[in-house]
């Protein structure tokens, strides 16, 4: 369900979540990394924000995938979708076809919404997504 990553076409990430990428990763566009370093110092600024999709951060479109082609994935997990592996063709398809991306994303969201809700002792609504209540 790699299409769900397309939700990163809207949103922002905190510096603490992409700092390592912009200072140490080699699969990132150099100019893009340098620009991001201006808002994310090596120490401090943990809460500073950067858009997940630099080209159109407030628009639901395929710009996120185009950014991956240019090695401008903000998070390491984003760029991993376009790194010479099995999802490269899909990234290229979505980057070149906004309608296909929108259609596939909508279908995936419908599919996700049909997954049964866990209730009672079978599940929980977490107060903090990173930790079990």
N, C-alpha and C. Protein backbone atom coordinates (compact mmCIF):
# COMPACT_ATOMS: atom_id res chain seq x y z
N UNK A 1 0.82 -1.18 0.00
CA UNK A 1 0.00 0.00 0.00
C UNK A 1 0.88 1.26 0.00
N UNK A 2 1.80 1.32 -0.93
CA UNK A 2 2.71 2.45 -1.05
C UNK A 2 2.00 3.74 -1.42
N UNK A 3 0.82 3.63 -2.00
CA UNK A 3 0.07 4.81 -2.40
C UNK A 3 -0.25 5.68 -1.18
N UNK A 4 -0.38 5.09 0.00
CA UNK A 4 -0.69 5.86 1.20
C UNK A 4 0.39 6.89 1.50
N UNK A 5 1.62 6.63 1.09
CA UNK A 5 2.70 7.61 1.28
C UNK A 5 2.39 8.90 0.55
N UNK A 6 1.55 8.84 -0.46
CA UNK A 6 1.16 10.03 -1.20
C UNK A 6 0.45 11.06 -0.33
N UNK A 7 -0.01 10.66 0.83
CA UNK A 7 -0.61 11.62 1.77
C UNK A 7 0.42 12.66 2.18
N UNK A 8 1.69 12.36 1.99
CA UNK A 8 2.75 13.32 2.31
C UNK A 8 2.78 14.48 1.33
N UNK A 9 1.88 14.51 0.39
CA UNK A 9 1.77 15.67 -0.50
C UNK A 9 1.30 16.90 0.29
N UNK A 10 0.71 16.66 1.45
CA UNK A 10 0.28 17.74 2.34
C UNK A 10 0.86 17.43 3.72
N UNK A 11 1.37 18.44 4.38
CA UNK A 11 1.86 18.24 5.74
C UNK A 11 3.30 18.70 5.91
N UNK A 12 3.72 18.65 7.14
CA UNK A 12 5.05 19.10 7.50
C UNK A 12 5.68 18.12 8.49
N UNK A 13 6.98 18.14 8.56
CA UNK A 13 7.71 17.29 9.51
C UNK A 13 8.60 18.18 10.36
N UNK A 14 8.81 17.76 11.59
CA UNK A 14 9.69 18.48 12.50
C UNK A 14 11.15 18.17 12.18
N UNK A 15 11.99 19.15 12.41
CA UNK A 15 13.43 19.03 12.16
C UNK A 15 14.01 17.76 12.78
N UNK A 16 13.60 17.45 13.99
CA UNK A 16 14.15 16.27 14.67
C UNK A 16 13.89 14.98 13.88
N UNK A 17 12.90 15.00 12.98
CA UNK A 17 12.58 13.80 12.21
C UNK A 17 13.29 13.72 10.87
N UNK A 18 13.90 14.80 10.42
CA UNK A 18 14.62 14.76 9.14
C UNK A 18 16.06 15.27 9.25
N UNK A 19 16.49 15.65 10.43
CA UNK A 19 17.85 16.19 10.62
C UNK A 19 18.92 15.25 10.11
N UNK A 20 18.86 14.01 10.51
CA UNK A 20 19.89 13.06 10.11
C UNK A 20 19.96 12.95 8.59
N UNK A 21 18.81 12.98 7.94
CA UNK A 21 18.78 12.87 6.47
C UNK A 21 19.53 14.02 5.80
N UNK A 22 19.30 15.24 6.25
CA UNK A 22 19.89 16.39 5.55
C UNK A 22 21.36 16.62 5.89
N UNK A 23 21.84 15.95 6.93
CA UNK A 23 23.26 16.11 7.28
C UNK A 23 24.11 14.88 6.94
N UNK A 24 23.49 13.70 6.77
CA UNK A 24 24.31 12.51 6.56
C UNK A 24 23.93 11.67 5.34
N UNK A 25 22.67 11.69 4.92
CA UNK A 25 22.27 10.84 3.79
C UNK A 25 22.92 11.32 2.49
N UNK A 26 23.19 10.38 1.61
CA UNK A 26 23.80 10.71 0.32
C UNK A 26 22.79 10.66 -0.83
N UNK A 27 21.59 10.16 -0.58
CA UNK A 27 20.59 10.06 -1.64
C UNK A 27 19.62 11.25 -1.63
N UNK A 28 20.16 12.44 -1.34
CA UNK A 28 19.36 13.65 -1.28
C UNK A 28 20.04 14.72 -2.15
N UNK A 29 19.24 15.48 -2.87
CA UNK A 29 19.77 16.57 -3.69
C UNK A 29 20.55 17.54 -2.79
N UNK A 30 21.78 17.86 -3.17
CA UNK A 30 22.65 18.70 -2.34
C UNK A 30 22.09 20.08 -2.07
N UNK A 31 21.55 20.72 -3.10
CA UNK A 31 20.99 22.07 -2.92
C UNK A 31 19.77 22.03 -2.02
N UNK A 32 18.97 20.98 -2.16
CA UNK A 32 17.78 20.82 -1.32
C UNK A 32 18.19 20.63 0.14
N UNK A 33 19.18 19.78 0.38
CA UNK A 33 19.66 19.55 1.74
C UNK A 33 20.22 20.84 2.34
N UNK A 34 20.99 21.58 1.56
CA UNK A 34 21.57 22.84 2.05
C UNK A 34 20.48 23.84 2.41
N UNK A 35 19.44 23.93 1.60
CA UNK A 35 18.32 24.82 1.89
C UNK A 35 17.65 24.41 3.21
N UNK A 36 17.43 23.13 3.40
CA UNK A 36 16.77 22.65 4.62
C UNK A 36 17.62 22.88 5.86
N UNK A 37 18.92 22.82 5.71
CA UNK A 37 19.81 23.05 6.86
C UNK A 37 19.63 24.46 7.41
N UNK A 38 19.19 25.40 6.57
CA UNK A 38 18.95 26.76 7.04
C UNK A 38 17.86 26.84 8.09
N UNK A 39 16.95 25.89 8.09
CA UNK A 39 15.86 25.88 9.07
C UNK A 39 15.96 24.75 10.07
N UNK A 40 17.02 23.96 9.96
CA UNK A 40 17.17 22.80 10.83
C UNK A 40 18.65 22.64 11.19
N UNK A 41 19.07 23.34 12.25
CA UNK A 41 20.49 23.27 12.65
C UNK A 41 20.84 21.88 13.19
N UNK A 42 22.13 21.59 13.24
CA UNK A 42 22.57 20.29 13.74
C UNK A 42 22.20 20.08 15.20
N UNK A 43 22.06 21.15 15.94
CA UNK A 43 21.64 21.06 17.34
C UNK A 43 20.56 22.11 17.58
N UNK A 44 19.50 21.72 18.26
CA UNK A 44 18.39 22.63 18.53
C UNK A 44 17.43 22.71 17.37
N UNK A 45 16.39 23.47 17.56
CA UNK A 45 15.39 23.66 16.51
C UNK A 45 14.57 22.41 16.21
N UNK A 46 14.48 21.52 17.18
CA UNK A 46 13.80 20.25 16.95
C UNK A 46 12.39 20.40 16.39
N UNK A 47 11.67 21.42 16.82
CA UNK A 47 10.29 21.60 16.40
C UNK A 47 10.13 22.40 15.12
N UNK A 48 11.22 22.90 14.55
CA UNK A 48 11.11 23.65 13.29
C UNK A 48 10.51 22.75 12.21
N UNK A 49 9.66 23.32 11.39
CA UNK A 49 8.92 22.54 10.40
C UNK A 49 9.40 22.79 8.97
N UNK A 50 9.29 21.74 8.17
CA UNK A 50 9.54 21.84 6.72
C UNK A 50 8.44 21.03 6.03
N UNK A 51 8.01 21.48 4.85
CA UNK A 51 6.96 20.75 4.14
C UNK A 51 7.45 19.39 3.62
N UNK A 52 6.58 18.40 3.68
CA UNK A 52 6.90 17.09 3.14
C UNK A 52 6.98 17.12 1.61
N UNK A 53 6.25 18.05 1.01
CA UNK A 53 6.26 18.25 -0.44
C UNK A 53 6.65 19.70 -0.68
N UNK A 54 7.91 19.94 -0.99
CA UNK A 54 8.42 21.31 -1.11
C UNK A 54 7.80 22.06 -2.29
N UNK A 55 7.35 21.37 -3.33
CA UNK A 55 6.87 22.05 -4.53
C UNK A 55 5.46 22.59 -4.38
N UNK A 56 4.62 21.92 -3.62
CA UNK A 56 3.23 22.35 -3.46
C UNK A 56 2.70 21.86 -2.11
N UNK A 57 3.22 22.41 -1.01
CA UNK A 57 2.94 21.88 0.32
C UNK A 57 1.49 21.98 0.79
N UNK A 58 0.71 22.83 0.17
CA UNK A 58 -0.68 23.00 0.61
C UNK A 58 -1.69 22.52 -0.42
N UNK A 59 -1.23 21.76 -1.39
CA UNK A 59 -2.09 21.28 -2.47
C UNK A 59 -1.99 19.76 -2.56
N UNK A 60 -3.16 19.11 -2.64
CA UNK A 60 -3.17 17.66 -2.83
C UNK A 60 -2.94 17.37 -4.31
N UNK A 61 -1.73 16.98 -4.64
CA UNK A 61 -1.37 16.70 -6.03
C UNK A 61 -0.20 15.71 -6.05
N UNK A 62 0.36 15.48 -7.21
CA UNK A 62 1.44 14.51 -7.36
C UNK A 62 2.84 15.12 -7.19
N UNK A 63 2.92 16.35 -6.70
CA UNK A 63 4.21 17.00 -6.50
C UNK A 63 5.14 16.23 -5.59
N UNK A 64 4.58 15.54 -4.62
CA UNK A 64 5.38 14.72 -3.71
C UNK A 64 6.21 13.70 -4.50
N UNK A 65 5.57 13.04 -5.47
CA UNK A 65 6.27 12.03 -6.26
C UNK A 65 7.29 12.65 -7.20
N UNK A 66 6.99 13.81 -7.74
CA UNK A 66 7.98 14.51 -8.58
C UNK A 66 9.21 14.86 -7.76
N UNK A 67 9.00 15.25 -6.52
CA UNK A 67 10.12 15.55 -5.63
C UNK A 67 11.01 14.34 -5.40
N UNK A 68 10.40 13.17 -5.31
CA UNK A 68 11.20 11.96 -5.12
C UNK A 68 12.10 11.70 -6.32
N UNK A 69 11.59 11.98 -7.52
CA UNK A 69 12.41 11.82 -8.73
C UNK A 69 13.63 12.73 -8.71
N UNK A 70 13.48 13.88 -8.05
CA UNK A 70 14.56 14.88 -7.96
C UNK A 70 15.38 14.70 -6.69
N UNK A 71 15.20 13.59 -6.00
CA UNK A 71 15.89 13.30 -4.73
C UNK A 71 15.60 14.36 -3.68
N UNK A 72 14.32 14.76 -3.61
CA UNK A 72 13.90 15.77 -2.65
C UNK A 72 12.86 15.22 -1.68
N UNK A 73 12.99 13.96 -1.34
CA UNK A 73 12.13 13.39 -0.30
C UNK A 73 12.63 13.89 1.04
N UNK A 74 11.76 14.51 1.83
CA UNK A 74 12.19 15.08 3.10
C UNK A 74 12.60 14.00 4.10
N UNK A 75 11.84 12.93 4.16
CA UNK A 75 12.14 11.85 5.09
C UNK A 75 12.85 10.71 4.36
N UNK A 76 13.72 10.04 5.07
CA UNK A 76 14.43 8.91 4.48
C UNK A 76 13.44 7.87 3.96
N UNK A 77 12.38 7.62 4.72
CA UNK A 77 11.37 6.63 4.32
C UNK A 77 10.65 7.04 3.05
N UNK A 78 10.53 8.34 2.79
CA UNK A 78 9.93 8.81 1.55
C UNK A 78 10.85 8.50 0.37
N UNK A 79 12.10 8.90 0.48
CA UNK A 79 13.03 8.72 -0.63
C UNK A 79 13.26 7.24 -0.92
N UNK A 80 13.07 6.39 0.08
CA UNK A 80 13.24 4.95 -0.13
C UNK A 80 12.26 4.39 -1.16
N UNK A 81 11.18 5.13 -1.43
CA UNK A 81 10.24 4.69 -2.46
C UNK A 81 10.82 4.83 -3.86
N UNK A 82 11.85 5.66 -3.99
CA UNK A 82 12.50 5.85 -5.29
C UNK A 82 14.01 5.75 -5.09
N UNK A 83 14.47 4.50 -5.04
CA UNK A 83 15.89 4.27 -4.77
C UNK A 83 16.46 3.11 -5.57
N UNK A 84 15.86 2.87 -6.74
CA UNK A 84 16.34 1.77 -7.56
C UNK A 84 15.65 0.45 -7.26
N UNK A 85 14.58 0.51 -6.49
CA UNK A 85 13.88 -0.71 -6.10
C UNK A 85 12.57 -0.94 -6.83
N UNK A 86 11.76 -1.78 -6.24
CA UNK A 86 10.54 -2.25 -6.89
C UNK A 86 9.45 -1.19 -7.01
N UNK A 87 9.54 -0.09 -6.28
CA UNK A 87 8.49 0.94 -6.35
C UNK A 87 8.85 2.10 -7.28
N UNK A 88 10.01 2.05 -7.90
CA UNK A 88 10.43 3.14 -8.79
C UNK A 88 9.43 3.41 -9.92
N UNK A 89 8.95 2.35 -10.56
CA UNK A 89 8.00 2.55 -11.66
C UNK A 89 6.72 3.22 -11.20
N UNK A 90 6.26 2.84 -10.03
CA UNK A 90 5.04 3.44 -9.48
C UNK A 90 5.26 4.92 -9.19
N UNK A 91 6.40 5.27 -8.63
CA UNK A 91 6.71 6.68 -8.36
C UNK A 91 6.74 7.47 -9.67
N UNK A 92 7.37 6.91 -10.69
CA UNK A 92 7.41 7.59 -12.00
C UNK A 92 6.00 7.76 -12.57
N UNK A 93 5.17 6.75 -12.43
CA UNK A 93 3.79 6.83 -12.93
C UNK A 93 3.04 7.95 -12.23
N UNK A 94 3.09 7.99 -10.92
CA UNK A 94 2.35 9.02 -10.18
C UNK A 94 2.93 10.41 -10.42
N UNK A 95 4.24 10.50 -10.58
CA UNK A 95 4.86 11.80 -10.84
C UNK A 95 4.41 12.38 -12.18
N UNK A 96 4.11 11.51 -13.13
CA UNK A 96 3.73 11.99 -14.46
C UNK A 96 2.23 12.00 -14.70
N UNK A 97 1.45 11.45 -13.77
CA UNK A 97 0.01 11.34 -14.00
C UNK A 97 -0.76 11.67 -12.72
N UNK A 98 -1.09 12.93 -12.54
CA UNK A 98 -1.80 13.37 -11.35
C UNK A 98 -3.16 12.69 -11.21
N UNK A 99 -3.86 12.48 -12.31
CA UNK A 99 -5.17 11.83 -12.26
C UNK A 99 -5.05 10.39 -11.75
N UNK A 100 -4.04 9.67 -12.22
CA UNK A 100 -3.84 8.29 -11.76
C UNK A 100 -3.54 8.27 -10.27
N UNK A 101 -2.68 9.18 -9.82
CA UNK A 101 -2.38 9.26 -8.39
C UNK A 101 -3.66 9.51 -7.60
N UNK A 102 -4.44 10.50 -8.00
CA UNK A 102 -5.66 10.83 -7.27
C UNK A 102 -6.64 9.68 -7.23
N UNK A 103 -6.80 9.00 -8.33
CA UNK A 103 -7.72 7.87 -8.41
C UNK A 103 -7.25 6.71 -7.54
N UNK A 104 -5.98 6.36 -7.64
CA UNK A 104 -5.44 5.26 -6.84
C UNK A 104 -5.45 5.59 -5.35
N UNK A 105 -5.17 6.85 -5.02
CA UNK A 105 -5.17 7.25 -3.61
C UNK A 105 -6.58 7.14 -3.04
N UNK A 106 -7.56 7.63 -3.78
CA UNK A 106 -8.96 7.56 -3.32
C UNK A 106 -9.38 6.11 -3.11
N UNK A 107 -9.03 5.23 -4.04
CA UNK A 107 -9.39 3.82 -3.91
C UNK A 107 -8.73 3.20 -2.68
N UNK A 108 -7.49 3.58 -2.42
CA UNK A 108 -6.78 3.04 -1.25
C UNK A 108 -7.42 3.52 0.05
N UNK A 109 -7.87 4.76 0.07
CA UNK A 109 -8.51 5.28 1.28
C UNK A 109 -9.85 4.59 1.53
N UNK A 110 -10.58 4.29 0.47
CA UNK A 110 -11.83 3.54 0.62
C UNK A 110 -11.52 2.15 1.17
N UNK A 111 -10.50 1.52 0.62
CA UNK A 111 -10.11 0.19 1.09
C UNK A 111 -9.73 0.22 2.57
N UNK A 112 -8.96 1.22 2.97
CA UNK A 112 -8.58 1.35 4.38
C UNK A 112 -9.79 1.58 5.27
N UNK A 113 -10.75 2.34 4.77
CA UNK A 113 -11.93 2.63 5.59
C UNK A 113 -12.79 1.40 5.81
N UNK A 114 -12.61 0.38 5.00
CA UNK A 114 -13.39 -0.85 5.14
C UNK A 114 -12.75 -1.87 6.06
N UNK A 115 -11.58 -1.55 6.59
CA UNK A 115 -10.93 -2.44 7.55
C UNK A 115 -11.72 -2.35 8.85
N UNK A 116 -12.01 -3.48 9.42
CA UNK A 116 -12.81 -3.51 10.65
C UNK A 116 -12.15 -2.78 11.80
N UNK A 117 -12.95 -2.07 12.56
CA UNK A 117 -12.49 -1.34 13.73
C UNK A 117 -12.35 -2.29 14.90
N UNK A 118 -11.21 -2.27 15.57
CA UNK A 118 -11.01 -3.09 16.76
C UNK A 118 -11.61 -2.36 17.96
N UNK A 119 -12.42 -3.05 18.71
CA UNK A 119 -13.09 -2.41 19.84
C UNK A 119 -12.89 -3.24 21.10
N UNK A 120 -13.17 -2.62 22.24
CA UNK A 120 -13.06 -3.31 23.52
C UNK A 120 -11.65 -3.76 23.78
N UNK A 121 -11.50 -4.99 24.25
CA UNK A 121 -10.17 -5.51 24.58
C UNK A 121 -9.36 -5.89 23.34
N UNK A 122 -9.96 -5.79 22.16
CA UNK A 122 -9.27 -6.13 20.92
C UNK A 122 -8.46 -4.96 20.34
N UNK A 123 -8.68 -3.77 20.85
CA UNK A 123 -7.99 -2.61 20.30
C UNK A 123 -8.03 -1.44 21.26
N UNK A 124 -7.43 -0.34 20.85
CA UNK A 124 -7.43 0.86 21.68
C UNK A 124 -7.22 2.09 20.83
N UNK A 125 -7.70 3.20 21.32
CA UNK A 125 -7.39 4.50 20.72
C UNK A 125 -6.26 5.07 21.55
N UNK A 126 -5.11 5.24 20.92
CA UNK A 126 -3.94 5.67 21.68
C UNK A 126 -3.94 7.17 21.94
N UNK A 127 -3.56 7.52 23.15
CA UNK A 127 -3.39 8.93 23.51
C UNK A 127 -2.16 9.47 22.81
N UNK A 128 -1.11 8.66 22.74
CA UNK A 128 0.13 8.96 22.06
C UNK A 128 0.37 7.84 21.06
N UNK A 129 0.38 8.14 19.78
CA UNK A 129 0.48 7.10 18.75
C UNK A 129 1.74 6.25 18.87
N UNK A 130 2.75 6.77 19.52
CA UNK A 130 4.03 6.06 19.62
C UNK A 130 4.07 5.07 20.79
N UNK A 131 3.05 5.08 21.63
CA UNK A 131 3.10 4.24 22.83
C UNK A 131 1.74 3.61 23.10
N UNK A 132 1.78 2.39 23.58
CA UNK A 132 0.56 1.70 24.00
C UNK A 132 0.09 2.39 25.27
N UNK A 133 -1.22 2.61 25.37
CA UNK A 133 -1.77 3.26 26.58
C UNK A 133 -1.45 2.47 27.83
